Amino acid sequence: MLASAEPRAFAGIRGLSRDREASGAGTSLALGVRMKLNALHLVGTCILASASVFIQGCGGTGDTGSSEAALSNSEESAFNFFVSKGLSKDQAAGIVGNLIQESSVIATAVQYGGGPGRGIAQWSVGGRWNADHDDNVEWYASAHGVSPWALNTQLDFIWYELTTFGGYGLSELRGAGNVTDATLVFQDRFEGCGTCDESKRIAYAEQVLSSYGGGGGGGSSGKDCYSDTLGKEMSDNACVQSKYDDDWYQCANGSWVDRWTDPAACTSVHPL
């Protein structure tokens, strides 16, 4: 039986359907409900209905469903991360549009049905997830003393791949002058998907640009965020150190984002 969840836990669910086919195996995968990390507050059944991925590690003993990390906006964190690396907003949105198609930007995503895809970019087991020499997520995480299943780790690894290996298309990505071109460059050079469904990737990228690519920061005019660490609503741009993982999160118009991805200054600071 599913435990009842607070309404805020469902803020990230959007009824967006998508289809993708796994390269090589030719297995058709369908995603009927797109769910971000904040939807993990649903306990009991951890497999998304009609999903192409399931959430690795569901069913653990600790209830972290209300943590700042679980209520965070992984899409916005990813978008801000790539902008902070010097990419344009169009280019960052192009990357994130691809990641939405691959995994809904869920770091613990595992390809449904026994497929090899793992993480936000669906790196393959036997390849870039755990085997390729000096180019796999598990090796990178071990070398840096972090979890391979963490969003921060996987974003850092994408940037490592882009800046280390010319074949992943960073120069072409930097030359992309609009969101469509950026989406297609990342799709073709980094993801290397089989049946890519590029129209959906572009549509997701355009949504990301519309949602997060506007004028940034300052002031406290956005929506509040609930902090389970402090047990109360926090104003926009408040910065809180989470009791669950000791990391810092910033309220960004109703969603938590990793502090290092938000360009706006903290309006208040709340350490443990």
C-alpha atoms as a PDB file:
ATOM      1  CA  MET A   1       0.000   0.000   0.000  1.00  0.00           C
ATOM      2  CA  LEU A   2       1.297   3.438  -0.891  1.00  0.00           C
ATOM      3  CA  ALA A   3       1.844   5.858   1.926  1.00  0.00           C
ATOM      4  CA  SER A   4       0.160   9.208   1.504  1.00  0.00           C
ATOM      5  CA  ALA A   5       2.476  11.909   0.220  1.00  0.00           C
ATOM      6  CA  GLU A   6       2.391  15.638   0.792  1.00  0.00           C
ATOM      7  CA  PRO A   7       1.154  17.628  -2.235  1.00  0.00           C
ATOM      8  CA  ARG A   8       4.538  19.296  -2.725  1.00  0.00           C
ATOM      9  CA  ALA A   9       6.075  15.934  -3.576  1.00  0.00           C
ATOM     10  CA  PHE A  10       4.153  15.857  -6.837  1.00  0.00           C
ATOM     11  CA  ALA A  11       5.229  19.272  -8.109  1.00  0.00           C
ATOM     12  CA  GLY A  12       7.674  17.796 -10.607  1.00  0.00           C
ATOM     13  CA  ILE A  13       5.349  15.311 -12.313  1.00  0.00           C
ATOM     14  CA  ARG A  14       4.425  16.306 -15.838  1.00  0.00           C
ATOM     15  CA  GLY A  15       2.252  14.273 -18.157  1.00  0.00           C
ATOM     16  CA  LEU A  16       4.718  14.160 -20.992  1.00  0.00           C
ATOM     17  CA  SER A  17       4.900  10.956 -23.003  1.00  0.00           C
ATOM     18  CA  ARG A  18       7.889   9.838 -24.972  1.00  0.00           C
ATOM     19  CA  ASP A  19       9.173   6.822 -26.866  1.00  0.00           C
ATOM     20  CA  ARG A  20      12.705   5.754 -27.479  1.00  0.00           C
ATOM     21  CA  GLU A  21      14.314   2.655 -28.961  1.00  0.00           C
ATOM     22  CA  ALA A  22      17.440   1.185 -27.484  1.00  0.00           C
ATOM     23  CA  SER A  23      20.311   1.174 -29.936  1.00  0.00           C
ATOM     24  CA  GLY A  24      21.616  -2.280 -30.819  1.00  0.00           C
ATOM     25  CA  ALA A  25      18.947  -4.334 -29.107  1.00  0.00           C
ATOM     26  CA  GLY A  26      16.155  -2.604 -31.014  1.00  0.00           C
ATOM     27  CA  THR A  27      13.893  -2.861 -27.989  1.00  0.00           C
ATOM     28  CA  SER A  28      11.101  -0.298 -27.981  1.00  0.00           C
ATOM     29  CA  LEU A  29      10.842   1.622 -24.725  1.00  0.00           C
ATOM     30  CA  ALA A  30       8.014   3.906 -23.684  1.00  0.00           C
ATOM     31  CA  LEU A  31       7.759   6.540 -20.998  1.00  0.00           C
ATOM     32  CA  GLY A  32       4.184   7.585 -20.208  1.00  0.00           C
ATOM     33  CA  VAL A  33       4.876   9.637 -17.108  1.00  0.00           C
ATOM     34  CA  ARG A  34       7.912  11.825 -16.669  1.00  0.00           C
ATOM     35  CA  MET A  35       8.932  12.124 -13.029  1.00  0.00           C
ATOM     36  CA  LYS A  36      11.753  14.094 -11.497  1.00  0.00           C
ATOM     37  CA  LEU A  37      13.590  13.278  -8.291  1.00  0.00           C
ATOM     38  CA  ASN A  38      11.060  15.081  -6.170  1.00  0.00           C
ATOM     39  CA  ALA A  39       8.487  12.447  -7.081  1.00  0.00           C
ATOM     40  CA  LEU A  40      10.536   9.867  -5.195  1.00  0.00           C
ATOM     41  CA  HIS A  41       8.439  10.821  -2.164  1.00  0.00           C
ATOM     42  CA  LEU A  42       6.106   8.148  -3.443  1.00  0.00           C
ATOM     43  CA  VAL A  43       7.114   5.159  -1.328  1.00  0.00           C
ATOM     44  CA  GLY A  44       6.252   1.507  -1.644  1.00  0.00           C
ATOM     45  CA  THR A  45       6.296   1.097  -5.427  1.00  0.00           C
ATOM     46  CA  CYS A  46       9.424   2.619  -6.918  1.00  0.00           C
ATOM     47  CA  ILE A  47       8.887   1.656 -10.541  1.00  0.00           C
ATOM     48  CA  LEU A  48       7.247   4.386 -12.594  1.00  0.00           C
ATOM     49  CA  ALA A  49       4.090   3.392 -14.422  1.00  0.00           C
ATOM     50  CA  SER A  50       4.908   2.652 -18.076  1.00  0.00           C
ATOM     51  CA  ALA A  51       8.442   3.935 -17.526  1.00  0.00           C
ATOM     52  CA  SER A  52      11.531   3.234 -19.553  1.00  0.00           C
ATOM     53  CA  VAL A  53      13.687   3.508 -16.449  1.00  0.00           C
ATOM     54  CA  PHE A  54      13.335   2.546 -12.830  1.00  0.00           C
ATOM     55  CA  ILE A  55      14.964   4.148  -9.848  1.00  0.00           C
ATOM     56  CA  GLN A  56      18.039   2.289  -8.636  1.00  0.00           C
ATOM     57  CA  GLY A  57      18.187   1.659  -4.900  1.00  0.00           C
ATOM     58  CA  CYS A  58      14.469   2.040  -4.144  1.00  0.00           C
ATOM     59  CA  GLY A  59      13.217   0.418  -0.987  1.00  0.00           C
ATOM     60  CA  GLY A  60      16.034   1.572   1.309  1.00  0.00           C
ATOM     61  CA  THR A  61      15.452   1.947   5.011  1.00  0.00           C
ATOM     62  CA  GLY A  62      16.035   5.684   5.368  1.00  0.00           C
ATOM     63  CA  ASP A  63      13.166   8.011   4.477  1.00  0.00           C
ATOM     64  CA  THR A  64      14.834  10.734   2.454  1.00  0.00           C
ATOM     65  CA  GLY A  65      11.808  11.461   0.285  1.00  0.00           C
ATOM     66  CA  SER A  66      11.358  14.921   1.808  1.00  0.00           C
ATOM     67  CA  SER A  67      15.042  15.856   1.720  1.00  0.00           C
ATOM     68  CA  GLU A  68      16.195  18.891  -0.204  1.00  0.00           C
ATOM     69  CA  ALA A  69      17.876  16.569  -2.714  1.00  0.00           C
ATOM     70  CA  ALA A  70      14.661  14.603  -3.304  1.00  0.00           C
ATOM     71  CA  LEU A  71      12.689  17.812  -3.764  1.00  0.00           C
ATOM     72  CA  SER A  72      15.298  19.392  -6.006  1.00  0.00           C
ATOM     73  CA  ASN A  73      14.890  20.308  -9.652  1.00  0.00           C
ATOM     74  CA  SER A  74      17.473  18.234 -11.459  1.00  0.00           C
ATOM     75  CA  GLU A  75      16.726  19.816 -14.838  1.00  0.00           C
ATOM     76  CA  GLU A  76      17.402  23.325 -13.566  1.00  0.00           C
ATOM     77  CA  SER A  77      20.509  22.137 -11.715  1.00  0.00           C
ATOM     78  CA  ALA A  78      21.834  20.587 -14.918  1.00  0.00           C
ATOM     79  CA  PHE A  79      20.996  23.670 -16.996  1.00  0.00           C
ATOM     80  CA  ASN A  80      22.725  25.992 -14.520  1.00  0.00           C
ATOM     81  CA  PHE A  81      25.713  23.655 -14.329  1.00  0.00           C
ATOM     82  CA  PHE A  82      26.445  23.845 -18.050  1.00  0.00           C
ATOM     83  CA  VAL A  83      25.862  27.603 -18.161  1.00  0.00           C
ATOM     84  CA  SER A  84      28.358  27.930 -15.295  1.00  0.00           C
ATOM     85  CA  LYS A  85      30.899  26.107 -17.489  1.00  0.00           C
ATOM     86  CA  GLY A  86      30.682  28.847 -20.093  1.00  0.00           C
ATOM     87  CA  LEU A  87      28.126  27.389 -22.498  1.00  0.00           C
ATOM     88  CA  SER A  88      25.355  29.603 -23.794  1.00  0.00           C
ATOM     89  CA  LYS A  89      21.810  29.080 -22.560  1.00  0.00           C
ATOM     90  CA  ASP A  90      20.855  27.574 -25.928  1.00  0.00           C
ATOM     91  CA  GLN A  91      23.747  25.120 -25.704  1.00  0.00           C
ATOM     92  CA  ALA A  92      22.994  24.169 -22.090  1.00  0.00           C
ATOM     93  CA  ALA A  93      19.326  23.666 -22.920  1.00  0.00           C
ATOM     94  CA  GLY A  94      20.305  21.430 -25.833  1.00  0.00           C
ATOM     95  CA  ILE A  95      22.223  19.148 -23.487  1.00  0.00           C
ATOM     96  CA  VAL A  96      19.430  19.005 -20.918  1.00  0.00           C
ATOM     97  CA  GLY A  97      16.797  18.311 -23.578  1.00  0.00           C
ATOM     98  CA  ASN A  98      18.772  15.210 -24.495  1.00  0.00           C
ATOM     99  CA  LEU A  99      19.100  14.172 -20.848  1.00  0.00           C
ATOM    100  CA  ILE A 100      15.342  14.488 -20.364  1.00  0.00           C
ATOM    101  CA  GLN A 101      14.785  12.147 -23.302  1.00  0.00           C
ATOM    102  CA  GLU A 102      17.364   9.709 -21.965  1.00  0.00           C
ATOM    103  CA  SER A 103      16.415   9.577 -18.285  1.00  0.00           C
ATOM    104  CA  SER A 104      14.239  12.510 -17.187  1.00  0.00           C
ATOM    105  CA  VAL A 105      17.533  13.730 -15.650  1.00  0.00           C
ATOM    106  CA  ILE A 106      17.211  11.105 -12.901  1.00  0.00           C
ATOM    107  CA  ALA A 107      20.703  10.161 -11.751  1.00  0.00           C
ATOM    108  CA  THR A 108      19.582   6.761 -10.464  1.00  0.00           C
ATOM    109  CA  ALA A 109      17.801   5.816 -13.688  1.00  0.00           C
ATOM    110  CA  VAL A 110      18.317   2.236 -14.872  1.00  0.00           C
ATOM    111  CA  GLN A 111      17.098   1.197 -18.302  1.00  0.00           C
ATOM    112  CA  TYR A 112      13.887  -0.763 -17.948  1.00  0.00           C
ATOM    113  CA  GLY A 113      13.742  -4.379 -19.015  1.00  0.00           C
ATOM    114  CA  GLY A 114      17.360  -5.244 -18.320  1.00  0.00           C
ATOM    115  CA  GLY A 115      18.921  -2.811 -20.752  1.00  0.00           C
ATOM    116  CA  PRO A 116      22.452  -1.502 -20.174  1.00  0.00           C
ATOM    117  CA  GLY A 117      21.638   2.211 -19.777  1.00  0.00           C
ATOM    118  CA  ARG A 118      22.510   3.902 -16.486  1.00  0.00           C
ATOM    119  CA  GLY A 119      22.267   7.428 -15.132  1.00  0.00           C
ATOM    120  CA  ILE A 120      21.195  10.713 -16.668  1.00  0.00           C
ATOM    121  CA  ALA A 121      22.913  10.068 -20.023  1.00  0.00           C
ATOM    122  CA  GLN A 122      22.138   6.330 -19.999  1.00  0.00           C
ATOM    123  CA  TRP A 123      25.790   5.321 -20.256  1.00  0.00           C
ATOM    124  CA  SER A 124      26.034   1.609 -21.040  1.00  0.00           C
ATOM    125  CA  VAL A 125      27.162  -1.117 -18.652  1.00  0.00           C
ATOM    126  CA  GLY A 126      30.111  -2.768 -20.341  1.00  0.00           C
ATOM    127  CA  GLY A 127      31.130   0.574 -21.821  1.00  0.00           C
ATOM    128  CA  ARG A 128      31.030   4.138 -20.569  1.00  0.00           C
ATOM    129  CA  TRP A 129      29.292   3.251 -17.304  1.00  0.00           C
ATOM    130  CA  ASN A 130      31.880   0.851 -15.920  1.00  0.00           C
ATOM    131  CA  ALA A 131      34.376  -0.474 -18.465  1.00  0.00           C
ATOM    132  CA  ASP A 132      35.900   1.965 -20.980  1.00  0.00           C
ATOM    133  CA  HIS A 133      39.477   2.855 -20.043  1.00  0.00           C
ATOM    134  CA  ASP A 134      39.651   6.270 -18.357  1.00  0.00           C
ATOM    135  CA  ASP A 135      36.174   6.992 -19.679  1.00  0.00           C
ATOM    136  CA  ASN A 136      33.540   5.441 -17.442  1.00  0.00           C
ATOM    137  CA  VAL A 137      31.354   6.749 -14.644  1.00  0.00           C
ATOM    138  CA  GLU A 138      32.328   4.222 -11.982  1.00  0.00           C
ATOM    139  CA  TRP A 139      36.052   4.793 -12.520  1.00  0.00           C
ATOM    140  CA  TYR A 140      35.570   8.577 -12.420  1.00  0.00           C
ATOM    141  CA  ALA A 141      33.488   8.398  -9.235  1.00  0.00           C
ATOM    142  CA  SER A 142      36.016   6.141  -7.506  1.00  0.00           C
ATOM    143  CA  ALA A 143      38.893   8.430  -8.457  1.00  0.00           C
ATOM    144  CA  HIS A 144      37.071  11.403  -6.919  1.00  0.00           C
ATOM    145  CA  GLY A 145      35.668   9.604  -3.885  1.00  0.00           C
ATOM    146  CA  VAL A 146      32.027  10.217  -4.809  1.00  0.00           C
ATOM    147  CA  SER A 147      28.970   8.136  -5.657  1.00  0.00           C
ATOM    148  CA  PRO A 148      28.458   7.192  -9.313  1.00  0.00           C
ATOM    149  CA  TRP A 149      24.702   7.568  -8.748  1.00  0.00           C
ATOM    150  CA  ALA A 150      24.858  11.221  -7.652  1.00  0.00           C
ATOM    151  CA  LEU A 151      23.646  13.964  -9.988  1.00  0.00           C
ATOM    152  CA  ASN A 152      26.708  16.107  -9.285  1.00  0.00           C
ATOM    153  CA  THR A 153      29.020  13.221 -10.169  1.00  0.00           C
ATOM    154  CA  GLN A 154      27.296  12.562 -13.466  1.00  0.00           C
ATOM    155  CA  LEU A 155      27.212  16.230 -14.481  1.00  0.00           C
ATOM    156  CA  ASP A 156      30.920  16.503 -13.690  1.00  0.00           C
ATOM    157  CA  PHE A 157      31.557  13.345 -15.711  1.00  0.00           C
ATOM    158  CA  ILE A 158      29.706  14.712 -18.741  1.00  0.00           C
ATOM    159  CA  TRP A 159      31.927  17.785 -18.589  1.00  0.00           C
ATOM    160  CA  TYR A 160      35.006  15.573 -18.157  1.00  0.00           C
ATOM    161  CA  GLU A 161      34.070  13.607 -21.276  1.00  0.00           C
ATOM    162  CA  LEU A 162      33.315  16.722 -23.291  1.00  0.00           C
ATOM    163  CA  THR A 163      36.580  18.436 -22.369  1.00  0.00           C
ATOM    164  CA  THR A 164      38.815  15.351 -22.518  1.00  0.00           C
ATOM    165  CA  PHE A 165      37.719  13.538 -25.676  1.00  0.00           C
ATOM    166  CA  GLY A 166      37.315  15.511 -28.888  1.00  0.00           C
ATOM    167  CA  GLY A 167      34.920  13.005 -30.361  1.00  0.00           C
ATOM    168  CA  TYR A 168      32.103  13.999 -28.025  1.00  0.00           C
ATOM    169  CA  GLY A 169      31.583  17.268 -29.857  1.00  0.00           C
ATOM    170  CA  LEU A 170      32.376  20.114 -27.468  1.00  0.00           C
ATOM    171  CA  SER A 171      33.808  22.326 -30.215  1.00  0.00           C
ATOM    172  CA  GLU A 172      30.733  21.794 -32.378  1.00  0.00           C
ATOM    173  CA  LEU A 173      28.481  22.368 -29.377  1.00  0.00           C
ATOM    174  CA  ARG A 174      30.205  25.658 -28.610  1.00  0.00           C
ATOM    175  CA  GLY A 175      29.646  26.658 -32.225  1.00  0.00           C
ATOM    176  CA  ALA A 176      25.907  25.961 -32.104  1.00  0.00           C
ATOM    177  CA  GLY A 177      24.004  29.235 -32.381  1.00  0.00           C
ATOM    178  CA  ASN A 178      20.528  28.033 -31.457  1.00  0.00           C
ATOM    179  CA  VAL A 179      18.861  25.418 -29.267  1.00  0.00           C
ATOM    180  CA  THR A 180      17.986  23.090 -32.161  1.00  0.00           C
ATOM    181  CA  ASP A 181      21.551  22.891 -33.436  1.00  0.00           C
ATOM    182  CA  ALA A 182      22.883  22.394 -29.895  1.00  0.00           C
ATOM    183  CA  THR A 183      20.411  19.583 -29.255  1.00  0.00           C
ATOM    184  CA  LEU A 184      21.366  17.758 -32.438  1.00  0.00           C
ATOM    185  CA  VAL A 185      25.109  18.131 -31.838  1.00  0.00           C
ATOM    186  CA  PHE A 186      24.846  16.586 -28.373  1.00  0.00           C
ATOM    187  CA  GLN A 187      22.498  13.889 -29.656  1.00  0.00           C
ATOM    188  CA  ASP A 188      24.793  12.860 -32.512  1.00  0.00           C
ATOM    189  CA  ARG A 189      28.223  13.334 -30.953  1.00  0.00           C
ATOM    190  CA  PHE A 190      27.710  12.541 -27.262  1.00  0.00           C
ATOM    191  CA  GLU A 191      24.673  10.268 -26.997  1.00  0.00           C
ATOM    192  CA  GLY A 192      25.118   8.313 -30.218  1.00  0.00           C
ATOM    193  CA  CYS A 193      21.582   6.978 -29.929  1.00  0.00           C
ATOM    194  CA  GLY A 194      20.000   4.584 -32.413  1.00  0.00           C
ATOM    195  CA  THR A 195      16.463   5.812 -33.028  1.00  0.00           C
ATOM    196  CA  CYS A 196      16.861   9.176 -31.352  1.00  0.00           C
ATOM    197  CA  ASP A 197      13.408  10.759 -31.723  1.00  0.00           C
ATOM    198  CA  GLU A 198      15.120  14.098 -32.218  1.00  0.00           C
ATOM    199  CA  SER A 199      11.881  16.097 -32.401  1.00  0.00           C
ATOM    200  CA  LYS A 200      11.160  15.267 -28.763  1.00  0.00           C
ATOM    201  CA  ARG A 201      14.700  16.108 -27.728  1.00  0.00           C
ATOM    202  CA  ILE A 202      14.358  19.488 -29.383  1.00  0.00           C
ATOM    203  CA  ALA A 203      10.942  20.068 -27.788  1.00  0.00           C
ATOM    204  CA  TYR A 204      12.335  19.254 -24.344  1.00  0.00           C
ATOM    205  CA  ALA A 205      15.302  21.554 -24.941  1.00  0.00           C
ATOM    206  CA  GLU A 206      12.994  24.390 -25.946  1.00  0.00           C
ATOM    207  CA  GLN A 207      10.987  23.835 -22.757  1.00  0.00           C
ATOM    208  CA  VAL A 208      14.169  23.976 -20.689  1.00  0.00           C
ATOM    209  CA  LEU A 209      15.246  27.207 -22.355  1.00  0.00           C
ATOM    210  CA  SER A 210      11.814  28.737 -21.791  1.00  0.00           C
ATOM    211  CA  SER A 211      11.675  27.657 -18.146  1.00  0.00           C
ATOM    212  CA  TYR A 212      15.211  28.424 -17.005  1.00  0.00           C
ATOM    213  CA  GLY A 213      16.819  30.597 -19.654  1.00  0.00           C
ATOM    214  CA  GLY A 214      15.203  33.891 -18.729  1.00  0.00           C
ATOM    215  CA  GLY A 215      16.835  36.741 -16.891  1.00  0.00           C
ATOM    216  CA  GLY A 216      18.595  35.569 -13.732  1.00  0.00           C
ATOM    217  CA  GLY A 217      18.630  36.475 -10.429  1.00  0.00           C
ATOM    218  CA  GLY A 218      18.615  38.676  -7.410  1.00  0.00           C
ATOM    219  CA  GLY A 219      15.743  39.455  -5.163  1.00  0.00           C
ATOM    220  CA  SER A 220      13.178  37.208  -3.525  1.00  0.00           C
ATOM    221  CA  SER A 221      10.262  37.356  -5.920  1.00  0.00           C
ATOM    222  CA  GLY A 222       9.922  33.629  -6.651  1.00  0.00           C
ATOM    223  CA  LYS A 223       8.028  30.842  -4.917  1.00  0.00           C
ATOM    224  CA  ASP A 224       9.003  29.442  -1.524  1.00  0.00           C
ATOM    225  CA  CYS A 225      10.531  25.974  -0.997  1.00  0.00           C
ATOM    226  CA  TYR A 226       9.828  23.572   1.838  1.00  0.00           C
ATOM    227  CA  SER A 227      12.933  22.554   3.829  1.00  0.00           C
ATOM    228  CA  ASP A 228      12.570  19.306   5.723  1.00  0.00           C
ATOM    229  CA  THR A 229      15.902  20.087   7.392  1.00  0.00           C
ATOM    230  CA  LEU A 230      14.435  23.194   8.998  1.00  0.00           C
ATOM    231  CA  GLY A 231      10.823  22.001   9.041  1.00  0.00           C
ATOM    232  CA  LYS A 232       9.406  25.094   7.338  1.00  0.00           C
ATOM    233  CA  GLU A 233       8.941  26.969   4.090  1.00  0.00           C
ATOM    234  CA  MET A 234      11.947  28.998   2.978  1.00  0.00           C
ATOM    235  CA  SER A 235      11.872  32.086   0.809  1.00  0.00           C
ATOM    236  CA  ASP A 236      13.233  32.230  -2.727  1.00  0.00           C
ATOM    237  CA  ASN A 237      17.072  32.208  -2.819  1.00  0.00           C
ATOM    238  CA  ALA A 238      17.386  30.977   0.770  1.00  0.00           C
ATOM    239  CA  CYS A 239      20.380  28.641   1.137  1.00  0.00           C
ATOM    240  CA  VAL A 240      20.132  25.585   3.400  1.00  0.00           C
ATOM    241  CA  GLN A 241      22.646  22.900   4.327  1.00  0.00           C
ATOM    242  CA  SER A 242      20.711  19.637   4.210  1.00  0.00           C
ATOM    243  CA  LYS A 243      20.714  17.323   7.208  1.00  0.00           C
ATOM    244  CA  TYR A 244      20.466  14.376   4.832  1.00  0.00           C
ATOM    245  CA  ASP A 245      23.703  14.779   2.878  1.00  0.00           C
ATOM    246  CA  ASP A 246      25.435  17.899   4.333  1.00  0.00           C
ATOM    247  CA  ASP A 247      25.270  19.533   0.885  1.00  0.00           C
ATOM    248  CA  TRP A 248      24.041  23.072   0.266  1.00  0.00           C
ATOM    249  CA  TYR A 249      20.821  23.779  -1.632  1.00  0.00           C
ATOM    250  CA  GLN A 250      19.270  27.039  -2.788  1.00  0.00           C
ATOM    251  CA  CYS A 251      15.575  27.738  -3.227  1.00  0.00           C
ATOM    252  CA  ALA A 252      15.000  28.719  -6.857  1.00  0.00           C
ATOM    253  CA  ASN A 253      11.401  29.741  -7.479  1.00  0.00           C
ATOM    254  CA  GLY A 254       9.791  26.806  -5.709  1.00  0.00           C
ATOM    255  CA  SER A 255      12.435  24.110  -6.278  1.00  0.00           C
ATOM    256  CA  TRP A 256      15.729  23.310  -4.601  1.00  0.00           C
ATOM    257  CA  VAL A 257      18.857  23.405  -6.750  1.00  0.00           C
ATOM    258  CA  ASP A 258      22.443  22.648  -5.852  1.00  0.00           C
ATOM    259  CA  ARG A 259      23.932  25.842  -4.484  1.00  0.00           C
ATOM    260  CA  TRP A 260      26.833  25.801  -6.929  1.00  0.00           C
ATOM    261  CA  THR A 261      24.487  25.885  -9.928  1.00  0.00           C
ATOM    262  CA  ASP A 262      22.487  28.998  -8.990  1.00  0.00           C
ATOM    263  CA  PRO A 263      24.013  32.339  -9.989  1.00  0.00           C
ATOM    264  CA  ALA A 264      21.830  34.357  -7.605  1.00  0.00           C
ATOM    265  CA  ALA A 265      23.167  35.381  -4.197  1.00  0.00           C
ATOM    266  CA  CYS A 266      21.757  33.711  -1.084  1.00  0.00           C
ATOM    267  CA  THR A 267      19.254  35.944   0.699  1.00  0.00           C
ATOM    268  CA  SER A 268      19.708  33.920   3.911  1.00  0.00           C
ATOM    269  CA  VAL A 269      22.121  31.168   4.934  1.00  0.00           C
ATOM    270  CA  HIS A 270      21.212  28.225   7.192  1.00  0.00           C
ATOM    271  CA  PRO A 271      24.089  25.871   8.101  1.00  0.00           C
ATOM    272  CA  LEU A 272      23.617  22.733  10.182  1.00  0.00           C
END
